[in-house]
Amino acid sequence: MKTLRIILVTIFSLVTTSSYASMCTAHSSDDENKSSNKMSYSTPCEISDTVLMASSEEVCMSLKEKISNHDHD
């Protein structure tokens, strides 16, 4: 009876370990896809004496406009 219990626990452990390993593989491939979609922030954008980086001049102007509309000082 003890031998049967040990065999069942061993088989269950191996199945569980292989399922965790397959999930890790799936996550690593998702991380690779995310890194290929990175944006380039090359345009400096000064807002309220703070310099931020924006992807384009249009994005910078849009940020400035949104911040000025919400600025209550």
N, C-alpha and C. Protein backbone atom coordinates (compact mmCIF):
# COMPACT_ATOMS: atom_id res chain seq x y z
N MET A 1 0.83 -1.20 0.00
CA MET A 1 0.00 0.00 0.00
C MET A 1 0.87 1.26 0.00
N LYS A 2 1.98 1.24 0.80
CA LYS A 2 2.87 2.40 0.83
C LYS A 2 3.55 2.60 -0.52
N THR A 3 3.90 1.50 -1.16
CA THR A 3 4.56 1.59 -2.46
C THR A 3 3.64 2.21 -3.49
N LEU A 4 2.39 1.84 -3.49
CA LEU A 4 1.41 2.41 -4.41
C LEU A 4 1.25 3.91 -4.17
N ARG A 5 1.22 4.31 -2.92
CA ARG A 5 1.09 5.72 -2.55
C ARG A 5 2.30 6.52 -3.03
N ILE A 6 3.50 5.96 -2.86
CA ILE A 6 4.73 6.63 -3.30
C ILE A 6 4.74 6.78 -4.82
N ILE A 7 4.33 5.75 -5.52
CA ILE A 7 4.28 5.81 -6.99
C ILE A 7 3.28 6.87 -7.45
N LEU A 8 2.12 6.92 -6.83
CA LEU A 8 1.11 7.93 -7.20
C LEU A 8 1.60 9.34 -6.93
N VAL A 9 2.24 9.55 -5.81
CA VAL A 9 2.77 10.88 -5.48
C VAL A 9 3.85 11.27 -6.48
N THR A 10 4.71 10.34 -6.85
CA THR A 10 5.77 10.62 -7.81
C THR A 10 5.20 10.99 -9.17
N ILE A 11 4.23 10.23 -9.64
CA ILE A 11 3.61 10.52 -10.94
C ILE A 11 2.92 11.89 -10.91
N PHE A 12 2.18 12.17 -9.83
CA PHE A 12 1.51 13.46 -9.71
C PHE A 12 2.52 14.61 -9.70
N SER A 13 3.64 14.42 -9.01
CA SER A 13 4.67 15.45 -8.95
C SER A 13 5.27 15.71 -10.33
N LEU A 14 5.53 14.66 -11.09
CA LEU A 14 6.09 14.82 -12.42
C LEU A 14 5.12 15.54 -13.35
N VAL A 15 3.85 15.21 -13.28
CA VAL A 15 2.84 15.86 -14.12
C VAL A 15 2.73 17.33 -13.76
N THR A 16 2.72 17.63 -12.48
CA THR A 16 2.63 19.03 -12.03
C THR A 16 3.85 19.82 -12.47
N THR A 17 5.04 19.24 -12.33
CA THR A 17 6.27 19.93 -12.72
C THR A 17 6.29 20.20 -14.22
N SER A 18 5.87 19.27 -15.02
CA SER A 18 5.88 19.48 -16.47
C SER A 18 4.87 20.56 -16.88
N SER A 19 3.74 20.66 -16.18
CA SER A 19 2.78 21.71 -16.53
C SER A 19 3.31 23.09 -16.16
N TYR A 20 4.03 23.20 -15.03
CA TYR A 20 4.66 24.48 -14.68
C TYR A 20 5.74 24.84 -15.69
N ALA A 21 6.50 23.87 -16.14
CA ALA A 21 7.55 24.14 -17.12
C ALA A 21 6.95 24.63 -18.43
N SER A 22 5.84 24.07 -18.84
CA SER A 22 5.23 24.52 -20.10
C SER A 22 4.68 25.93 -19.97
N MET A 23 4.19 26.32 -18.78
CA MET A 23 3.71 27.69 -18.58
C MET A 23 4.88 28.67 -18.64
N CYS A 24 6.02 28.30 -18.10
CA CYS A 24 7.18 29.18 -18.14
C CYS A 24 7.64 29.41 -19.57
N THR A 25 7.61 28.40 -20.37
CA THR A 25 7.99 28.54 -21.77
C THR A 25 7.05 29.51 -22.49
N ALA A 26 5.77 29.42 -22.22
CA ALA A 26 4.81 30.31 -22.85
C ALA A 26 5.04 31.75 -22.44
N HIS A 27 5.36 31.98 -21.17
CA HIS A 27 5.60 33.34 -20.70
C HIS A 27 6.86 33.93 -21.33
N SER A 28 7.90 33.14 -21.49
CA SER A 28 9.12 33.68 -22.06
C SER A 28 8.91 34.08 -23.52
N SER A 29 8.08 33.36 -24.27
CA SER A 29 7.84 33.76 -25.65
C SER A 29 7.01 35.04 -25.70
N ASP A 30 6.11 35.24 -24.73
CA ASP A 30 5.35 36.49 -24.68
C ASP A 30 6.26 37.67 -24.39
N ASP A 31 7.25 37.49 -23.52
CA ASP A 31 8.19 38.56 -23.22
C ASP A 31 8.99 38.96 -24.45
N GLU A 32 9.35 37.99 -25.28
CA GLU A 32 10.09 38.30 -26.49
C GLU A 32 9.24 39.13 -27.44
N ASN A 33 7.95 38.83 -27.53
CA ASN A 33 7.07 39.61 -28.40
C ASN A 33 6.90 41.03 -27.90
N LYS A 34 6.84 41.22 -26.59
CA LYS A 34 6.69 42.55 -26.02
C LYS A 34 7.92 43.41 -26.31
N SER A 35 9.12 42.82 -26.23
CA SER A 35 10.32 43.60 -26.43
C SER A 35 10.45 44.08 -27.87
N SER A 36 9.84 43.39 -28.82
CA SER A 36 9.94 43.81 -30.21
C SER A 36 9.00 44.98 -30.52
N ASN A 37 8.05 45.28 -29.63
CA ASN A 37 7.08 46.35 -29.85
C ASN A 37 7.40 47.62 -29.06
N LYS A 38 8.64 47.78 -28.63
CA LYS A 38 9.00 48.96 -27.84
C LYS A 38 8.97 50.22 -28.71
N MET A 39 8.51 51.31 -28.09
CA MET A 39 8.46 52.58 -28.80
C MET A 39 9.75 53.35 -28.57
N SER A 40 10.02 54.25 -29.46
CA SER A 40 11.20 55.09 -29.34
C SER A 40 10.77 56.47 -28.83
N TYR A 41 11.32 56.88 -27.71
CA TYR A 41 11.02 58.19 -27.12
C TYR A 41 12.23 59.08 -27.34
N SER A 42 12.25 59.81 -28.44
CA SER A 42 13.43 60.57 -28.80
C SER A 42 13.21 62.08 -28.82
N THR A 43 11.99 62.54 -28.58
CA THR A 43 11.68 63.97 -28.62
C THR A 43 11.56 64.52 -27.20
N PRO A 44 12.48 65.42 -26.79
CA PRO A 44 12.34 66.01 -25.45
C PRO A 44 11.11 66.92 -25.40
N CYS A 45 10.42 66.87 -24.27
CA CYS A 45 9.18 67.63 -24.11
C CYS A 45 9.20 68.27 -22.72
N GLU A 46 9.32 69.59 -22.66
CA GLU A 46 9.38 70.27 -21.37
C GLU A 46 8.00 70.73 -20.96
N ILE A 47 7.58 70.25 -19.79
CA ILE A 47 6.26 70.60 -19.26
C ILE A 47 6.45 71.01 -17.81
N SER A 48 6.11 72.23 -17.49
CA SER A 48 6.21 72.76 -16.12
C SER A 48 7.60 72.53 -15.53
N ASP A 49 8.61 72.93 -16.26
CA ASP A 49 10.02 72.82 -15.85
C ASP A 49 10.48 71.37 -15.65
N THR A 50 9.77 70.43 -16.25
CA THR A 50 10.16 69.02 -16.20
C THR A 50 10.31 68.54 -17.63
N VAL A 51 11.44 67.92 -17.93
CA VAL A 51 11.68 67.42 -19.28
C VAL A 51 11.29 65.95 -19.33
N LEU A 52 10.36 65.66 -20.21
CA LEU A 52 9.93 64.28 -20.47
C LEU A 52 10.33 63.91 -21.88
N MET A 53 10.33 62.63 -22.18
CA MET A 53 10.63 62.19 -23.54
C MET A 53 9.33 61.71 -24.18
N ALA A 54 9.09 62.17 -25.40
CA ALA A 54 7.88 61.79 -26.14
C ALA A 54 8.27 61.11 -27.44
N SER A 55 7.34 60.41 -28.04
CA SER A 55 7.63 59.70 -29.29
C SER A 55 7.63 60.65 -30.50
N SER A 56 6.93 61.79 -30.37
CA SER A 56 6.91 62.76 -31.46
C SER A 56 6.53 64.14 -30.91
N GLU A 57 6.69 65.13 -31.74
CA GLU A 57 6.33 66.50 -31.35
C GLU A 57 4.83 66.63 -31.14
N GLU A 58 4.04 65.89 -31.92
CA GLU A 58 2.59 65.93 -31.78
C GLU A 58 2.15 65.38 -30.42
N VAL A 59 2.80 64.32 -29.99
CA VAL A 59 2.48 63.74 -28.68
C VAL A 59 2.84 64.72 -27.58
N CYS A 60 3.95 65.41 -27.73
CA CYS A 60 4.37 66.41 -26.74
C CYS A 60 3.34 67.53 -26.65
N MET A 61 2.89 68.02 -27.78
CA MET A 61 1.89 69.10 -27.77
C MET A 61 0.59 68.63 -27.14
N SER A 62 0.20 67.41 -27.43
CA SER A 62 -1.02 66.85 -26.86
C SER A 62 -0.90 66.75 -25.33
N LEU A 63 0.25 66.31 -24.85
CA LEU A 63 0.47 66.24 -23.40
C LEU A 63 0.41 67.62 -22.76
N LYS A 64 1.07 68.58 -23.38
CA LYS A 64 1.05 69.94 -22.84
C LYS A 64 -0.37 70.48 -22.77
N GLU A 65 -1.15 70.21 -23.80
CA GLU A 65 -2.53 70.69 -23.85
C GLU A 65 -3.38 70.05 -22.75
N LYS A 66 -3.23 68.73 -22.58
CA LYS A 66 -4.00 68.04 -21.56
C LYS A 66 -3.63 68.52 -20.17
N ILE A 67 -2.35 68.72 -19.93
CA ILE A 67 -1.92 69.17 -18.62
C ILE A 67 -2.39 70.60 -18.35
N SER A 68 -2.33 71.45 -19.34
CA SER A 68 -2.77 72.83 -19.13
C SER A 68 -4.27 72.91 -18.89
N ASN A 69 -5.04 71.98 -19.46
CA ASN A 69 -6.48 71.96 -19.22
C ASN A 69 -6.82 71.48 -17.82
N HIS A 70 -5.95 70.70 -17.21
CA HIS A 70 -6.20 70.18 -15.86
C HIS A 70 -5.45 70.95 -14.79
N ASP A 71 -4.67 71.93 -15.19
CA ASP A 71 -3.89 72.71 -14.21
C ASP A 71 -4.78 73.78 -13.59
N HIS A 72 -4.98 73.69 -12.27
CA HIS A 72 -5.89 74.63 -11.58
C HIS A 72 -5.15 75.66 -10.75
N ASP A 73 -3.83 75.77 -10.93
CA ASP A 73 -3.06 76.75 -10.12
C ASP A 73 -3.16 78.14 -10.66
